[in-house]
Amino acid sequence: MERFIHDENLALFRKKLADPQLTDEERKVVLKLLADEEARQIASQGTAEDRKPD
């Protein structure tokens, strides 16, 4: 379920960035949200790999 939410958030933020009416300030916020979500996804993937049995 978490993966689905991450994927949907990433898609939403990328779609927002494609909007030509986005102001510079809004673009900065969306870029920050996108970076945070990408970092969260990377961190959760590392956690899942840690749980895999050897």
N, C-alpha and C. Protein backbone atom coordinates (compact mmCIF):
# COMPACT_ATOMS: atom_id res chain seq x y z
N MET A 1 0.82 -1.19 0.00
CA MET A 1 0.00 0.00 0.00
C MET A 1 0.87 1.26 0.00
N GLU A 2 1.95 1.24 0.80
CA GLU A 2 2.83 2.40 0.85
C GLU A 2 3.44 2.70 -0.51
N ARG A 3 3.80 1.65 -1.23
CA ARG A 3 4.41 1.84 -2.56
C ARG A 3 3.42 2.55 -3.50
N PHE A 4 2.16 2.14 -3.44
CA PHE A 4 1.13 2.76 -4.27
C PHE A 4 1.03 4.25 -3.96
N ILE A 5 1.01 4.58 -2.69
CA ILE A 5 0.90 5.99 -2.28
C ILE A 5 2.12 6.79 -2.77
N HIS A 6 3.31 6.22 -2.61
CA HIS A 6 4.52 6.89 -3.10
C HIS A 6 4.43 7.13 -4.60
N ASP A 7 4.05 6.09 -5.34
CA ASP A 7 3.97 6.21 -6.80
C ASP A 7 2.95 7.27 -7.22
N GLU A 8 1.82 7.30 -6.54
CA GLU A 8 0.78 8.28 -6.87
C GLU A 8 1.24 9.70 -6.53
N ASN A 9 1.92 9.86 -5.40
CA ASN A 9 2.45 11.18 -5.04
C ASN A 9 3.48 11.66 -6.06
N LEU A 10 4.37 10.77 -6.47
CA LEU A 10 5.38 11.13 -7.46
C LEU A 10 4.72 11.55 -8.77
N ALA A 11 3.74 10.79 -9.21
CA ALA A 11 3.03 11.11 -10.45
C ALA A 11 2.33 12.46 -10.34
N LEU A 12 1.69 12.71 -9.21
CA LEU A 12 0.99 13.97 -9.00
C LEU A 12 1.95 15.16 -9.03
N PHE A 13 3.07 15.04 -8.34
CA PHE A 13 4.04 16.14 -8.29
C PHE A 13 4.63 16.40 -9.67
N ARG A 14 4.93 15.35 -10.42
CA ARG A 14 5.47 15.52 -11.78
C ARG A 14 4.44 16.17 -12.69
N LYS A 15 3.19 15.79 -12.54
CA LYS A 15 2.12 16.39 -13.34
C LYS A 15 2.00 17.88 -13.02
N LYS A 16 2.06 18.21 -11.73
CA LYS A 16 1.97 19.61 -11.31
C LYS A 16 3.11 20.43 -11.91
N LEU A 17 4.31 19.86 -11.95
CA LEU A 17 5.47 20.58 -12.49
C LEU A 17 5.31 20.88 -13.98
N ALA A 18 4.52 20.09 -14.68
CA ALA A 18 4.30 20.29 -16.11
C ALA A 18 3.31 21.42 -16.38
N ASP A 19 2.64 21.90 -15.36
CA ASP A 19 1.64 22.96 -15.52
C ASP A 19 2.34 24.28 -15.82
N PRO A 20 2.08 24.87 -17.01
CA PRO A 20 2.76 26.12 -17.36
C PRO A 20 2.30 27.32 -16.53
N GLN A 21 1.18 27.21 -15.85
CA GLN A 21 0.67 28.32 -15.04
C GLN A 21 1.22 28.32 -13.62
N LEU A 22 2.08 27.37 -13.31
CA LEU A 22 2.67 27.28 -11.98
C LEU A 22 3.62 28.46 -11.76
N THR A 23 3.45 29.14 -10.64
CA THR A 23 4.34 30.26 -10.33
C THR A 23 5.69 29.71 -9.86
N ASP A 24 6.69 30.57 -9.83
CA ASP A 24 8.02 30.16 -9.37
C ASP A 24 7.97 29.66 -7.93
N GLU A 25 7.19 30.34 -7.11
CA GLU A 25 7.09 29.95 -5.70
C GLU A 25 6.41 28.58 -5.58
N GLU A 26 5.35 28.37 -6.32
CA GLU A 26 4.66 27.07 -6.30
C GLU A 26 5.58 25.97 -6.83
N ARG A 27 6.34 26.29 -7.87
CA ARG A 27 7.28 25.31 -8.45
C ARG A 27 8.31 24.89 -7.41
N LYS A 28 8.82 25.84 -6.63
CA LYS A 28 9.79 25.51 -5.58
C LYS A 28 9.18 24.55 -4.56
N VAL A 29 7.93 24.81 -4.17
CA VAL A 29 7.26 23.96 -3.19
C VAL A 29 7.06 22.55 -3.75
N VAL A 30 6.60 22.47 -4.99
CA VAL A 30 6.36 21.16 -5.60
C VAL A 30 7.67 20.40 -5.77
N LEU A 31 8.72 21.10 -6.17
CA LEU A 31 10.02 20.44 -6.30
C LEU A 31 10.51 19.90 -4.96
N LYS A 32 10.28 20.65 -3.90
CA LYS A 32 10.66 20.19 -2.55
C LYS A 32 9.85 18.96 -2.16
N LEU A 33 8.54 18.99 -2.44
CA LEU A 33 7.69 17.83 -2.14
C LEU A 33 8.12 16.61 -2.94
N LEU A 34 8.46 16.83 -4.21
CA LEU A 34 8.91 15.73 -5.06
C LEU A 34 10.21 15.14 -4.52
N ALA A 35 11.15 15.99 -4.17
CA ALA A 35 12.43 15.51 -3.63
C ALA A 35 12.22 14.74 -2.32
N ASP A 36 11.36 15.26 -1.46
CA ASP A 36 11.08 14.58 -0.19
C ASP A 36 10.45 13.21 -0.44
N GLU A 37 9.52 13.14 -1.38
CA GLU A 37 8.84 11.88 -1.67
C GLU A 37 9.81 10.87 -2.29
N GLU A 38 10.69 11.35 -3.18
CA GLU A 38 11.69 10.45 -3.76
C GLU A 38 12.62 9.92 -2.68
N ALA A 39 13.02 10.77 -1.75
CA ALA A 39 13.89 10.34 -0.65
C ALA A 39 13.17 9.33 0.24
N ARG A 40 11.89 9.58 0.50
CA ARG A 40 11.09 8.67 1.31
C ARG A 40 10.98 7.29 0.64
N GLN A 41 10.80 7.31 -0.68
CA GLN A 41 10.68 6.05 -1.41
C GLN A 41 11.99 5.28 -1.38
N ILE A 42 13.10 5.98 -1.56
CA ILE A 42 14.41 5.33 -1.51
C ILE A 42 14.66 4.74 -0.12
N ALA A 43 14.30 5.49 0.90
CA ALA A 43 14.48 5.02 2.27
C ALA A 43 13.62 3.79 2.56
N SER A 44 12.40 3.77 2.06
CA SER A 44 11.52 2.63 2.31
C SER A 44 11.99 1.41 1.53
N GLN A 45 12.60 1.61 0.37
CA GLN A 45 13.13 0.48 -0.39
C GLN A 45 14.31 -0.13 0.35
N GLY A 46 15.14 0.72 0.94
CA GLY A 46 16.27 0.23 1.72
C GLY A 46 15.80 -0.55 2.93
N THR A 47 14.74 -0.09 3.57
CA THR A 47 14.18 -0.78 4.71
C THR A 47 13.64 -2.14 4.30
N ALA A 48 12.96 -2.22 3.17
CA ALA A 48 12.41 -3.49 2.69
C ALA A 48 13.52 -4.46 2.36
N GLU A 49 14.62 -3.96 1.79
CA GLU A 49 15.74 -4.84 1.47
C GLU A 49 16.41 -5.36 2.73
N ASP A 50 16.41 -4.55 3.79
CA ASP A 50 16.99 -4.98 5.07
C ASP A 50 16.22 -6.15 5.67
N ARG A 51 14.92 -6.22 5.38
CA ARG A 51 14.08 -7.26 5.96
C ARG A 51 14.14 -8.58 5.18
N LYS A 52 14.70 -8.56 3.98
CA LYS A 52 14.77 -9.78 3.17
C LYS A 52 15.70 -10.80 3.84
N PRO A 53 15.27 -12.04 3.89
CA PRO A 53 16.16 -13.07 4.46
C PRO A 53 17.31 -13.36 3.51
N ASP A 54 18.47 -13.68 4.08
CA ASP A 54 19.66 -13.98 3.26
C ASP A 54 19.61 -15.33 2.64
